[in-house]
Amino acid sequence: MLQHFGKRKNAGGALFCNPRVSQMGFTIRQAVPADIPVLRQLIEASVRGLHAQDYTPSQIESALVSVYGVDSQLIDDGTYFVVEAAAGMMSPQNASDYGKERPIVGCGGWSKRKTLYGSDHWSGREDSLLDPQRDAAKIRAFFVHPQWARQGVGSMILMACEEAARAAGFSRYEMGATLTGAKLFAVKGYTPVKLISIPLRNGETLPVIHMEKRP
């Protein structure tokens, strides 16, 4: 059972959610620019460790260059979250190399902008604002460290994103889900719309699934 978010506004007037701690010992909070170096490491570890069951090594490495990565616009907008493990809490694999105090074990967010997927270096960005009355909020850039997979981290972030998007006036959500992430999102009520083939710099493509959730 999770404690409820308290909702307030930041200095720019944007709604955001206070941190909360689950009974499992995880804390969720808004990401800040200082998190970016750790997020880059987390994203690389997540993609290489968890996506190998659905993508080839060449797809993974090329996507890390041109598609996957940090989207600093989400952080600037206050719509990107990180989950930290409680101090002294060890991963299920008891990994000493990721056992520092309050490690960031997952990240993900939502967006009020039109870009459906991609990091700062993705060439297909479209950062114009969405209309909450007409458009679906975008669920974006979910990554969980492999040592903390299947511990409810992704579900915790998704709940935070949907709550925050609803508070901003959105009632529908959509995403470009990886083949790996689509398994979680399907359980959470998201349905496939179409398959998208993202062109990679090495000439291959990265298949992702456009998914949506309606009230």
N, C-alpha and C. Protein backbone atom coordinates (compact mmCIF):
# COMPACT_ATOMS: atom_id res chain seq x y z
N MET A 1 0.85 -1.18 0.00
CA MET A 1 0.00 0.00 0.00
C MET A 1 0.89 1.24 0.00
N LEU A 2 0.62 2.18 -0.88
CA LEU A 2 1.44 3.36 -1.01
C LEU A 2 0.76 4.56 -0.38
N GLN A 3 1.56 5.43 0.22
CA GLN A 3 1.03 6.69 0.71
C GLN A 3 0.66 7.56 -0.49
N HIS A 4 -0.31 8.45 -0.29
CA HIS A 4 -0.75 9.31 -1.39
C HIS A 4 0.23 10.45 -1.61
N PHE A 5 0.33 10.87 -2.86
CA PHE A 5 1.08 12.06 -3.17
C PHE A 5 0.35 13.28 -2.64
N GLY A 6 1.11 14.27 -2.17
CA GLY A 6 0.56 15.59 -1.94
C GLY A 6 0.87 16.44 -3.15
N LYS A 7 -0.10 17.17 -3.66
CA LYS A 7 0.11 17.94 -4.89
C LYS A 7 0.26 19.41 -4.54
N ARG A 8 1.27 20.04 -5.11
CA ARG A 8 1.48 21.47 -4.94
C ARG A 8 2.09 22.02 -6.22
N LYS A 9 2.37 23.31 -6.26
CA LYS A 9 2.93 23.91 -7.45
C LYS A 9 4.36 24.36 -7.19
N ASN A 10 5.19 24.22 -8.24
CA ASN A 10 6.55 24.72 -8.11
C ASN A 10 6.57 26.21 -8.45
N ALA A 11 7.78 26.79 -8.47
CA ALA A 11 7.88 28.24 -8.66
C ALA A 11 7.32 28.67 -10.00
N GLY A 12 7.36 27.79 -11.00
CA GLY A 12 6.84 28.13 -12.31
C GLY A 12 5.36 27.88 -12.47
N GLY A 13 4.71 27.41 -11.41
CA GLY A 13 3.27 27.18 -11.47
C GLY A 13 2.87 25.80 -11.91
N ALA A 14 3.83 24.93 -12.22
CA ALA A 14 3.49 23.59 -12.69
C ALA A 14 3.16 22.68 -11.51
N LEU A 15 2.13 21.85 -11.68
CA LEU A 15 1.78 20.89 -10.65
C LEU A 15 2.84 19.81 -10.57
N PHE A 16 3.18 19.45 -9.35
CA PHE A 16 4.04 18.29 -9.20
C PHE A 16 3.71 17.60 -7.90
N CYS A 17 4.32 16.44 -7.70
CA CYS A 17 3.95 15.60 -6.56
C CYS A 17 5.10 15.49 -5.58
N ASN A 18 4.77 15.56 -4.30
CA ASN A 18 5.77 15.39 -3.26
C ASN A 18 6.26 13.94 -3.25
N PRO A 19 7.47 13.72 -2.72
CA PRO A 19 7.97 12.35 -2.63
C PRO A 19 7.06 11.50 -1.75
N ARG A 20 7.05 10.21 -2.03
CA ARG A 20 6.35 9.30 -1.15
C ARG A 20 7.18 8.04 -1.00
N VAL A 21 7.00 7.35 0.06
CA VAL A 21 7.75 6.13 0.32
C VAL A 21 6.78 4.97 0.38
N SER A 22 7.07 3.91 -0.34
CA SER A 22 6.22 2.73 -0.27
C SER A 22 6.65 1.86 0.90
N GLN A 23 5.83 0.94 1.24
CA GLN A 23 6.18 0.02 2.31
C GLN A 23 7.32 -0.90 1.91
N MET A 24 7.61 -0.94 0.61
CA MET A 24 8.72 -1.76 0.14
C MET A 24 10.06 -1.05 0.32
N GLY A 25 10.05 0.20 0.76
CA GLY A 25 11.29 0.90 1.02
C GLY A 25 11.80 1.76 -0.12
N PHE A 26 10.97 2.07 -1.10
CA PHE A 26 11.36 2.93 -2.22
C PHE A 26 10.78 4.33 -2.04
N THR A 27 11.53 5.33 -2.47
CA THR A 27 11.08 6.72 -2.46
C THR A 27 11.03 7.23 -3.89
N ILE A 28 9.97 7.94 -4.25
CA ILE A 28 9.87 8.52 -5.58
C ILE A 28 9.88 10.04 -5.45
N ARG A 29 10.61 10.68 -6.33
CA ARG A 29 10.70 12.15 -6.33
C ARG A 29 10.91 12.65 -7.74
N GLN A 30 10.77 13.96 -7.91
CA GLN A 30 11.08 14.56 -9.21
C GLN A 30 12.58 14.50 -9.47
N ALA A 31 12.93 14.22 -10.71
CA ALA A 31 14.33 14.28 -11.11
C ALA A 31 14.79 15.72 -11.19
N VAL A 32 16.07 15.94 -10.94
CA VAL A 32 16.68 17.27 -11.03
C VAL A 32 17.90 17.16 -11.94
N PRO A 33 18.38 18.27 -12.49
CA PRO A 33 19.53 18.21 -13.40
C PRO A 33 20.74 17.49 -12.83
N ALA A 34 20.95 17.59 -11.53
CA ALA A 34 22.11 16.93 -10.92
C ALA A 34 22.04 15.41 -11.03
N ASP A 35 20.86 14.87 -11.30
CA ASP A 35 20.70 13.41 -11.46
C ASP A 35 21.19 12.90 -12.80
N ILE A 36 21.38 13.78 -13.77
CA ILE A 36 21.61 13.35 -15.15
C ILE A 36 22.78 12.37 -15.31
N PRO A 37 23.95 12.61 -14.70
CA PRO A 37 25.04 11.62 -14.88
C PRO A 37 24.66 10.22 -14.40
N VAL A 38 23.94 10.13 -13.28
CA VAL A 38 23.51 8.83 -12.77
C VAL A 38 22.45 8.22 -13.69
N LEU A 39 21.55 9.06 -14.22
CA LEU A 39 20.51 8.56 -15.11
C LEU A 39 21.11 7.98 -16.38
N ARG A 40 22.14 8.61 -16.89
CA ARG A 40 22.79 8.07 -18.10
C ARG A 40 23.32 6.66 -17.84
N GLN A 41 23.96 6.46 -16.71
CA GLN A 41 24.47 5.13 -16.38
C GLN A 41 23.33 4.14 -16.19
N LEU A 42 22.27 4.58 -15.50
CA LEU A 42 21.12 3.72 -15.26
C LEU A 42 20.47 3.28 -16.57
N ILE A 43 20.29 4.23 -17.49
CA ILE A 43 19.64 3.92 -18.76
C ILE A 43 20.46 2.91 -19.56
N GLU A 44 21.76 3.11 -19.62
CA GLU A 44 22.60 2.15 -20.34
C GLU A 44 22.53 0.77 -19.72
N ALA A 45 22.58 0.71 -18.40
CA ALA A 45 22.50 -0.59 -17.72
C ALA A 45 21.15 -1.26 -17.94
N SER A 46 20.09 -0.46 -17.90
CA SER A 46 18.75 -0.99 -18.09
C SER A 46 18.57 -1.56 -19.49
N VAL A 47 18.99 -0.80 -20.49
CA VAL A 47 18.80 -1.22 -21.88
C VAL A 47 19.63 -2.46 -22.18
N ARG A 48 20.89 -2.44 -21.77
CA ARG A 48 21.75 -3.59 -22.06
C ARG A 48 21.35 -4.83 -21.25
N GLY A 49 20.82 -4.61 -20.06
CA GLY A 49 20.51 -5.73 -19.20
C GLY A 49 19.13 -6.33 -19.40
N LEU A 50 18.14 -5.49 -19.76
CA LEU A 50 16.76 -5.96 -19.82
C LEU A 50 16.21 -6.09 -21.24
N HIS A 51 16.77 -5.34 -22.18
CA HIS A 51 16.22 -5.35 -23.54
C HIS A 51 16.81 -6.46 -24.41
N ALA A 52 17.81 -7.17 -23.88
CA ALA A 52 18.47 -8.19 -24.70
C ALA A 52 17.55 -9.33 -25.09
N GLN A 53 16.46 -9.50 -24.34
CA GLN A 53 15.53 -10.57 -24.68
C GLN A 53 14.64 -10.22 -25.88
N ASP A 54 14.60 -8.94 -26.24
CA ASP A 54 13.71 -8.49 -27.31
C ASP A 54 14.43 -7.83 -28.49
N TYR A 55 15.68 -7.42 -28.29
CA TYR A 55 16.42 -6.73 -29.35
C TYR A 55 17.82 -7.33 -29.49
N THR A 56 18.40 -7.18 -30.68
CA THR A 56 19.74 -7.69 -30.92
C THR A 56 20.77 -6.73 -30.31
N PRO A 57 21.99 -7.21 -30.07
CA PRO A 57 23.04 -6.32 -29.56
C PRO A 57 23.28 -5.10 -30.46
N SER A 58 23.22 -5.27 -31.77
CA SER A 58 23.45 -4.13 -32.66
C SER A 58 22.31 -3.12 -32.58
N GLN A 59 21.07 -3.59 -32.44
CA GLN A 59 19.95 -2.67 -32.25
C GLN A 59 20.12 -1.89 -30.95
N ILE A 60 20.49 -2.58 -29.90
CA ILE A 60 20.64 -1.95 -28.59
C ILE A 60 21.73 -0.87 -28.62
N GLU A 61 22.89 -1.21 -29.15
CA GLU A 61 24.00 -0.25 -29.13
C GLU A 61 23.72 0.95 -30.03
N SER A 62 23.08 0.72 -31.17
CA SER A 62 22.75 1.84 -32.05
C SER A 62 21.66 2.71 -31.43
N ALA A 63 20.69 2.10 -30.78
CA ALA A 63 19.62 2.87 -30.15
C ALA A 63 20.13 3.70 -28.99
N LEU A 64 21.16 3.23 -28.29
CA LEU A 64 21.75 4.01 -27.20
C LEU A 64 22.43 5.27 -27.72
N VAL A 65 22.82 5.25 -28.98
CA VAL A 65 23.45 6.43 -29.58
C VAL A 65 22.42 7.45 -30.05
N SER A 66 21.31 6.98 -30.62
CA SER A 66 20.41 7.91 -31.29
C SER A 66 18.99 8.00 -30.73
N VAL A 67 18.58 7.06 -29.88
CA VAL A 67 17.19 7.05 -29.40
C VAL A 67 17.11 7.11 -27.87
N TYR A 68 17.70 6.12 -27.21
CA TYR A 68 17.63 6.05 -25.75
C TYR A 68 18.54 7.09 -25.11
N GLY A 69 18.17 7.53 -23.94
CA GLY A 69 19.00 8.48 -23.19
C GLY A 69 18.14 9.42 -22.38
N VAL A 70 18.78 10.41 -21.79
CA VAL A 70 18.08 11.38 -20.95
C VAL A 70 17.38 12.41 -21.83
N ASP A 71 16.13 12.73 -21.48
CA ASP A 71 15.40 13.83 -22.11
C ASP A 71 15.35 14.96 -21.08
N SER A 72 16.25 15.92 -21.22
CA SER A 72 16.35 16.99 -20.21
C SER A 72 15.12 17.90 -20.22
N GLN A 73 14.35 17.90 -21.30
CA GLN A 73 13.13 18.71 -21.33
C GLN A 73 12.14 18.21 -20.28
N LEU A 74 12.05 16.90 -20.11
CA LEU A 74 11.16 16.33 -19.10
C LEU A 74 11.58 16.78 -17.70
N ILE A 75 12.88 16.81 -17.46
CA ILE A 75 13.38 17.25 -16.15
C ILE A 75 13.07 18.73 -15.95
N ASP A 76 13.31 19.54 -16.98
CA ASP A 76 13.02 20.98 -16.89
C ASP A 76 11.54 21.24 -16.66
N ASP A 77 10.68 20.40 -17.25
CA ASP A 77 9.23 20.57 -17.09
C ASP A 77 8.72 20.07 -15.74
N GLY A 78 9.57 19.38 -14.99
CA GLY A 78 9.15 18.82 -13.71
C GLY A 78 8.25 17.61 -13.84
N THR A 79 8.38 16.88 -14.97
CA THR A 79 7.50 15.73 -15.22
C THR A 79 8.27 14.41 -15.31
N TYR A 80 9.49 14.41 -14.79
CA TYR A 80 10.29 13.18 -14.80
C TYR A 80 10.60 12.79 -13.36
N PHE A 81 10.48 11.49 -13.07
CA PHE A 81 10.63 10.99 -11.72
C PHE A 81 11.77 9.99 -11.61
N VAL A 82 12.35 9.92 -10.42
CA VAL A 82 13.32 8.87 -10.11
C VAL A 82 12.84 8.15 -8.86
N VAL A 83 13.18 6.86 -8.79
CA VAL A 83 12.89 6.06 -7.60
C VAL A 83 14.22 5.71 -6.95
N GLU A 84 14.31 5.96 -5.65
CA GLU A 84 15.50 5.63 -4.88
C GLU A 84 15.18 4.50 -3.91
N ALA A 85 16.14 3.61 -3.73
CA ALA A 85 16.00 2.57 -2.72
C ALA A 85 16.39 3.15 -1.37
N ALA A 86 15.77 2.67 -0.32
CA ALA A 86 16.07 3.15 1.02
C ALA A 86 17.53 2.91 1.36
N ALA A 87 18.09 3.79 2.18
CA ALA A 87 19.48 3.66 2.60
C ALA A 87 19.72 2.29 3.21
N GLY A 88 20.74 1.61 2.74
CA GLY A 88 21.08 0.29 3.26
C GLY A 88 20.29 -0.85 2.65
N MET A 89 19.31 -0.53 1.80
CA MET A 89 18.50 -1.57 1.17
C MET A 89 19.29 -2.20 0.03
N MET A 90 19.43 -3.50 0.02
CA MET A 90 20.19 -4.18 -1.01
C MET A 90 19.25 -4.68 -2.10
N SER A 91 19.76 -4.76 -3.31
CA SER A 91 18.99 -5.30 -4.40
C SER A 91 18.76 -6.79 -4.19
N PRO A 92 17.77 -7.36 -4.89
CA PRO A 92 17.54 -8.81 -4.76
C PRO A 92 18.77 -9.64 -5.11
N GLN A 93 19.67 -9.09 -5.94
CA GLN A 93 20.89 -9.80 -6.31
C GLN A 93 22.03 -9.49 -5.33
N ASN A 94 21.74 -8.61 -4.32
CA ASN A 94 22.73 -8.26 -3.31
C ASN A 94 24.01 -7.74 -3.96
N ALA A 95 23.84 -6.84 -4.93
CA ALA A 95 24.99 -6.38 -5.73
C ALA A 95 25.73 -5.26 -5.00
N SER A 96 26.97 -5.49 -4.68
CA SER A 96 27.75 -4.50 -3.94
C SER A 96 28.09 -3.28 -4.78
N ASP A 97 28.15 -3.45 -6.10
CA ASP A 97 28.54 -2.31 -6.95
C ASP A 97 27.38 -1.34 -7.15
N TYR A 98 26.19 -1.67 -6.65
CA TYR A 98 25.08 -0.72 -6.75
C TYR A 98 24.43 -0.54 -5.38
N GLY A 99 25.20 -0.74 -4.34
CA GLY A 99 24.67 -0.69 -3.00
C GLY A 99 24.96 0.61 -2.26
N LYS A 100 25.24 1.70 -3.00
CA LYS A 100 25.52 2.97 -2.33
C LYS A 100 24.26 3.48 -1.62
N GLU A 101 24.44 4.48 -0.79
CA GLU A 101 23.31 5.02 -0.03
C GLU A 101 22.29 5.64 -0.96
N ARG A 102 21.03 5.22 -0.83
CA ARG A 102 19.90 5.71 -1.60
C ARG A 102 20.19 5.72 -3.10
N PRO A 103 20.50 4.59 -3.70
CA PRO A 103 20.76 4.58 -5.15
C PRO A 103 19.47 4.84 -5.93
N ILE A 104 19.62 5.49 -7.08
CA ILE A 104 18.50 5.63 -8.02
C ILE A 104 18.37 4.31 -8.76
N VAL A 105 17.20 3.67 -8.65
CA VAL A 105 17.01 2.33 -9.22
C VAL A 105 16.05 2.32 -10.40
N GLY A 106 15.39 3.44 -10.67
CA GLY A 106 14.47 3.51 -11.80
C GLY A 106 14.12 4.95 -12.11
N CYS A 107 13.65 5.18 -13.34
CA CYS A 107 13.26 6.52 -13.75
C CYS A 107 12.19 6.43 -14.83
N GLY A 108 11.43 7.47 -14.97
CA GLY A 108 10.38 7.52 -15.98
C GLY A 108 9.55 8.77 -15.79
N GLY A 109 8.78 9.14 -16.79
CA GLY A 109 8.01 10.36 -16.66
C GLY A 109 6.85 10.43 -17.63
N TRP A 110 6.25 11.61 -17.64
CA TRP A 110 5.16 11.89 -18.57
C TRP A 110 5.45 13.25 -19.20
N SER A 111 4.75 13.55 -20.27
CA SER A 111 5.02 14.81 -20.96
C SER A 111 3.74 15.48 -21.43
N LYS A 112 3.78 16.81 -21.36
CA LYS A 112 2.72 17.66 -21.89
C LYS A 112 3.09 18.16 -23.29
N ARG A 113 4.12 17.55 -23.89
CA ARG A 113 4.60 17.93 -25.21
C ARG A 113 4.37 16.80 -26.22
N LYS A 114 4.50 17.10 -27.50
CA LYS A 114 4.09 16.15 -28.54
C LYS A 114 5.08 15.02 -28.78
N THR A 115 6.35 15.18 -28.39
CA THR A 115 7.33 14.13 -28.62
C THR A 115 6.88 12.84 -27.95
N LEU A 116 6.84 11.74 -28.70
CA LEU A 116 6.35 10.46 -28.18
C LEU A 116 7.47 9.62 -27.57
N TYR A 117 8.69 9.77 -28.09
CA TYR A 117 9.82 8.99 -27.60
C TYR A 117 11.10 9.68 -28.02
N GLY A 118 12.21 9.27 -27.41
CA GLY A 118 13.51 9.79 -27.81
C GLY A 118 14.15 10.68 -26.76
N SER A 119 15.47 10.71 -26.77
CA SER A 119 16.25 11.49 -25.81
C SER A 119 16.62 12.84 -26.39
N ASP A 120 17.53 13.53 -25.70
CA ASP A 120 17.99 14.84 -26.18
C ASP A 120 18.58 14.75 -27.59
N HIS A 121 19.21 13.62 -27.92
CA HIS A 121 19.86 13.53 -29.23
C HIS A 121 18.98 12.88 -30.29
N TRP A 122 17.70 12.67 -29.99
CA TRP A 122 16.79 12.14 -31.00
C TRP A 122 16.38 13.25 -31.95
N SER A 123 16.49 13.01 -33.26
CA SER A 123 16.26 14.06 -34.26
C SER A 123 14.78 14.33 -34.53
N GLY A 124 13.89 13.43 -34.09
CA GLY A 124 12.47 13.59 -34.41
C GLY A 124 11.65 14.25 -33.32
N ARG A 125 12.27 15.09 -32.51
CA ARG A 125 11.56 15.71 -31.39
C ARG A 125 10.55 16.75 -31.88
N GLU A 126 9.46 16.87 -31.14
CA GLU A 126 8.45 17.90 -31.41
C GLU A 126 7.96 18.42 -30.06
N ASP A 127 8.53 19.52 -29.62
CA ASP A 127 8.33 19.97 -28.25
C ASP A 127 7.18 20.95 -28.05
N SER A 128 6.32 21.12 -29.06
CA SER A 128 5.16 21.98 -28.85
C SER A 128 4.21 21.35 -27.84
N LEU A 129 3.43 22.20 -27.15
CA LEU A 129 2.59 21.74 -26.05
C LEU A 129 1.31 21.06 -26.54
N LEU A 130 0.85 20.10 -25.74
CA LEU A 130 -0.41 19.40 -26.01
C LEU A 130 -1.58 20.14 -25.40
N ASP A 131 -2.77 19.86 -25.90
CA ASP A 131 -4.01 20.39 -25.34
C ASP A 131 -4.64 19.28 -24.49
N PRO A 132 -4.70 19.44 -23.16
CA PRO A 132 -5.24 18.36 -22.31
C PRO A 132 -6.67 17.97 -22.65
N GLN A 133 -7.44 18.89 -23.20
CA GLN A 133 -8.82 18.59 -23.54
C GLN A 133 -8.95 17.74 -24.80
N ARG A 134 -7.92 17.74 -25.60
CA ARG A 134 -7.98 17.04 -26.89
C ARG A 134 -6.93 15.94 -27.03
N ASP A 135 -5.77 16.14 -26.44
CA ASP A 135 -4.63 15.25 -26.66
C ASP A 135 -4.41 14.31 -25.47
N ALA A 136 -3.66 13.27 -25.74
CA ALA A 136 -3.26 12.34 -24.68
C ALA A 136 -1.89 12.74 -24.14
N ALA A 137 -1.73 12.70 -22.83
CA ALA A 137 -0.41 12.90 -22.24
C ALA A 137 0.51 11.78 -22.68
N LYS A 138 1.77 12.09 -22.83
CA LYS A 138 2.75 11.10 -23.26
C LYS A 138 3.43 10.48 -22.03
N ILE A 139 3.46 9.16 -21.98
CA ILE A 139 4.20 8.44 -20.95
C ILE A 139 5.58 8.15 -21.53
N ARG A 140 6.64 8.57 -20.82
CA ARG A 140 7.94 8.65 -21.46
C ARG A 140 9.08 8.00 -20.67
N ALA A 141 9.98 7.40 -21.40
CA ALA A 141 11.35 7.09 -20.96
C ALA A 141 11.44 6.35 -19.62
N PHE A 142 10.84 5.15 -19.57
CA PHE A 142 10.89 4.32 -18.37
C PHE A 142 12.11 3.40 -18.43
N PHE A 143 12.89 3.41 -17.36
CA PHE A 143 14.06 2.53 -17.27
C PHE A 143 14.22 2.08 -15.82
N VAL A 144 14.47 0.80 -15.63
CA VAL A 144 14.71 0.24 -14.30
C VAL A 144 16.04 -0.49 -14.32
N HIS A 145 16.85 -0.30 -13.28
CA HIS A 145 18.12 -1.00 -13.22
C HIS A 145 17.87 -2.50 -13.16
N PRO A 146 18.61 -3.30 -13.91
CA PRO A 146 18.36 -4.75 -13.94
C PRO A 146 18.39 -5.40 -12.56
N GLN A 147 19.20 -4.88 -11.66
CA GLN A 147 19.29 -5.46 -10.33
C GLN A 147 18.03 -5.21 -9.48
N TRP A 148 17.16 -4.32 -9.96
CA TRP A 148 15.95 -3.98 -9.22
C TRP A 148 14.70 -4.25 -10.05
N ALA A 149 14.83 -5.03 -11.11
CA ALA A 149 13.68 -5.35 -11.97
C ALA A 149 12.68 -6.23 -11.23
N ARG A 150 11.42 -6.10 -11.62
CA ARG A 150 10.32 -6.91 -11.07
C ARG A 150 10.14 -6.75 -9.56
N GLN A 151 10.41 -5.52 -9.10
CA GLN A 151 10.20 -5.19 -7.69
C GLN A 151 9.12 -4.11 -7.51
N GLY A 152 8.37 -3.81 -8.59
CA GLY A 152 7.32 -2.81 -8.51
C GLY A 152 7.77 -1.39 -8.80
N VAL A 153 9.02 -1.22 -9.20
CA VAL A 153 9.55 0.13 -9.44
C VAL A 153 8.85 0.78 -10.63
N GLY A 154 8.73 0.06 -11.74
CA GLY A 154 8.06 0.62 -12.92
C GLY A 154 6.61 0.96 -12.64
N SER A 155 5.92 0.10 -11.92
CA SER A 155 4.51 0.36 -11.58
C SER A 155 4.37 1.59 -10.71
N MET A 156 5.31 1.78 -9.79
CA MET A 156 5.30 2.95 -8.92
C MET A 156 5.45 4.24 -9.73
N ILE A 157 6.36 4.22 -10.70
CA ILE A 157 6.56 5.41 -11.54
C ILE A 157 5.35 5.66 -12.41
N LEU A 158 4.76 4.61 -12.98
CA LEU A 158 3.60 4.78 -13.84
C LEU A 158 2.44 5.39 -13.06
N MET A 159 2.22 4.95 -11.84
CA MET A 159 1.15 5.51 -11.03
C MET A 159 1.38 7.00 -10.79
N ALA A 160 2.63 7.35 -10.49
CA ALA A 160 2.95 8.76 -10.27
C ALA A 160 2.71 9.59 -11.52
N CYS A 161 3.09 9.06 -12.69
CA CYS A 161 2.91 9.78 -13.95
C CYS A 161 1.43 10.00 -14.26
N GLU A 162 0.63 8.96 -14.11
CA GLU A 162 -0.79 9.08 -14.41
C GLU A 162 -1.47 10.05 -13.46
N GLU A 163 -1.11 10.01 -12.18
CA GLU A 163 -1.68 10.95 -11.21
C GLU A 163 -1.33 12.39 -11.57
N ALA A 164 -0.06 12.63 -11.89
CA ALA A 164 0.38 13.98 -12.21
C ALA A 164 -0.27 14.49 -13.50
N ALA A 165 -0.38 13.61 -14.50
CA ALA A 165 -1.02 14.02 -15.76
C ALA A 165 -2.49 14.33 -15.56
N ARG A 166 -3.17 13.54 -14.73
CA ARG A 166 -4.57 13.83 -14.43
C ARG A 166 -4.71 15.18 -13.72
N ALA A 167 -3.79 15.46 -12.81
CA ALA A 167 -3.83 16.73 -12.10
C ALA A 167 -3.62 17.91 -13.05
N ALA A 168 -2.93 17.66 -14.17
CA ALA A 168 -2.71 18.70 -15.18
C ALA A 168 -3.83 18.76 -16.20
N GLY A 169 -4.89 17.95 -16.04
CA GLY A 169 -6.06 18.03 -16.91
C GLY A 169 -6.17 16.98 -17.97
N PHE A 170 -5.22 16.04 -18.04
CA PHE A 170 -5.26 15.00 -19.07
C PHE A 170 -6.10 13.82 -18.58
N SER A 171 -6.80 13.18 -19.51
CA SER A 171 -7.60 12.00 -19.17
C SER A 171 -7.18 10.78 -19.98
N ARG A 172 -6.33 10.96 -20.99
CA ARG A 172 -5.84 9.86 -21.80
C ARG A 172 -4.32 9.87 -21.79
N TYR A 173 -3.74 8.69 -22.04
CA TYR A 173 -2.29 8.55 -22.03
C TYR A 173 -1.87 7.70 -23.23
N GLU A 174 -0.69 7.99 -23.77
CA GLU A 174 -0.15 7.18 -24.85
C GLU A 174 1.37 7.14 -24.75
N MET A 175 1.96 6.19 -25.44
CA MET A 175 3.40 6.01 -25.36
C MET A 175 3.93 5.27 -26.57
N GLY A 176 5.23 5.36 -26.77
CA GLY A 176 5.95 4.48 -27.67
C GLY A 176 6.68 3.47 -26.82
N ALA A 177 6.09 2.32 -26.57
CA ALA A 177 6.64 1.33 -25.63
C ALA A 177 7.62 0.40 -26.34
N THR A 178 8.74 0.14 -25.69
CA THR A 178 9.63 -0.89 -26.20
C THR A 178 8.94 -2.24 -26.11
N LEU A 179 9.45 -3.21 -26.85
CA LEU A 179 8.89 -4.56 -26.77
C LEU A 179 9.02 -5.11 -25.34
N THR A 180 10.06 -4.67 -24.65
CA THR A 180 10.28 -5.09 -23.27
C THR A 180 9.27 -4.44 -22.32
N GLY A 181 9.10 -3.12 -22.44
CA GLY A 181 8.20 -2.40 -21.55
C GLY A 181 6.74 -2.66 -21.82
N ALA A 182 6.41 -3.03 -23.06
CA ALA A 182 5.00 -3.23 -23.42
C ALA A 182 4.33 -4.31 -22.56
N LYS A 183 5.12 -5.23 -22.06
CA LYS A 183 4.55 -6.30 -21.23
C LYS A 183 3.97 -5.73 -19.93
N LEU A 184 4.69 -4.81 -19.32
CA LEU A 184 4.18 -4.16 -18.11
C LEU A 184 2.98 -3.29 -18.42
N PHE A 185 3.07 -2.49 -19.47
CA PHE A 185 2.01 -1.54 -19.76
C PHE A 185 0.71 -2.23 -20.16
N ALA A 186 0.81 -3.37 -20.80
CA ALA A 186 -0.40 -4.11 -21.16
C ALA A 186 -1.16 -4.54 -19.90
N VAL A 187 -0.44 -4.94 -18.88
CA VAL A 187 -1.06 -5.33 -17.61
C VAL A 187 -1.73 -4.13 -16.94
N LYS A 188 -1.21 -2.94 -17.19
CA LYS A 188 -1.72 -1.72 -16.57
C LYS A 188 -2.83 -1.04 -17.38
N GLY A 189 -3.37 -1.73 -18.39
CA GLY A 189 -4.51 -1.20 -19.11
C GLY A 189 -4.21 -0.52 -20.43
N TYR A 190 -2.96 -0.56 -20.88
CA TYR A 190 -2.59 0.05 -22.16
C TYR A 190 -2.80 -0.96 -23.29
N THR A 191 -3.34 -0.49 -24.38
CA THR A 191 -3.61 -1.37 -25.52
C THR A 191 -2.79 -0.93 -26.73
N PRO A 192 -2.35 -1.87 -27.56
CA PRO A 192 -1.55 -1.51 -28.74
C PRO A 192 -2.38 -0.81 -29.80
N VAL A 193 -1.79 0.19 -30.42
CA VAL A 193 -2.41 0.92 -31.52
C VAL A 193 -1.77 0.52 -32.84
N LYS A 194 -0.45 0.58 -32.89
CA LYS A 194 0.27 0.19 -34.10
C LYS A 194 1.74 -0.04 -33.76
N LEU A 195 2.42 -0.73 -34.63
CA LEU A 195 3.85 -0.95 -34.50
C LEU A 195 4.59 0.19 -35.19
N ILE A 196 5.61 0.72 -34.54
CA ILE A 196 6.43 1.80 -35.10
C ILE A 196 7.84 1.26 -35.30
N SER A 197 8.43 1.53 -36.45
CA SER A 197 9.81 1.13 -36.72
C SER A 197 10.68 2.39 -36.73
N ILE A 198 11.50 2.54 -35.70
CA ILE A 198 12.35 3.73 -35.57
C ILE A 198 13.66 3.47 -36.32
N PRO A 199 14.01 4.33 -37.27
CA PRO A 199 15.27 4.13 -38.00
C PRO A 199 16.48 4.39 -37.10
N LEU A 200 17.48 3.52 -37.20
CA LEU A 200 18.71 3.66 -36.44
C LEU A 200 19.85 4.06 -37.36
N ARG A 201 20.90 4.61 -36.78
CA ARG A 201 22.01 5.12 -37.59
C ARG A 201 22.78 4.01 -38.31
N ASN A 202 22.68 2.79 -37.80
CA ASN A 202 23.42 1.69 -38.43
C ASN A 202 22.63 1.04 -39.57
N GLY A 203 21.48 1.62 -39.92
CA GLY A 203 20.66 1.09 -41.00
C GLY A 203 19.57 0.14 -40.56
N GLU A 204 19.62 -0.32 -39.31
CA GLU A 204 18.57 -1.18 -38.79
C GLU A 204 17.40 -0.33 -38.30
N THR A 205 16.37 -0.99 -37.82
CA THR A 205 15.25 -0.29 -37.21
C THR A 205 15.02 -0.85 -35.80
N LEU A 206 14.39 -0.03 -34.97
CA LEU A 206 14.04 -0.44 -33.61
C LEU A 206 12.52 -0.48 -33.52
N PRO A 207 11.93 -1.67 -33.42
CA PRO A 207 10.46 -1.74 -33.31
C PRO A 207 9.99 -1.36 -31.91
N VAL A 208 9.02 -0.46 -31.85
CA VAL A 208 8.35 -0.11 -30.60
C VAL A 208 6.85 -0.13 -30.88
N ILE A 209 6.07 -0.15 -29.82
CA ILE A 209 4.62 -0.26 -29.96
C ILE A 209 3.94 1.01 -29.47
N HIS A 210 3.20 1.65 -30.34
CA HIS A 210 2.37 2.78 -29.93
C HIS A 210 1.21 2.21 -29.12
N MET A 211 1.12 2.60 -27.83
CA MET A 211 0.08 2.09 -26.95
C MET A 211 -0.70 3.26 -26.35
N GLU A 212 -1.93 3.01 -25.97
CA GLU A 212 -2.76 4.06 -25.37
C GLU A 212 -3.61 3.51 -24.25
N LYS A 213 -4.03 4.43 -23.38
CA LYS A 213 -4.96 4.07 -22.30
C LYS A 213 -6.02 5.14 -22.23
N ARG A 214 -7.27 4.70 -22.32
CA ARG A 214 -8.41 5.62 -22.28
C ARG A 214 -9.18 5.44 -20.98
N PRO A 215 -9.96 6.45 -20.59
CA PRO A 215 -10.75 6.31 -19.36
C PRO A 215 -11.76 5.18 -19.45
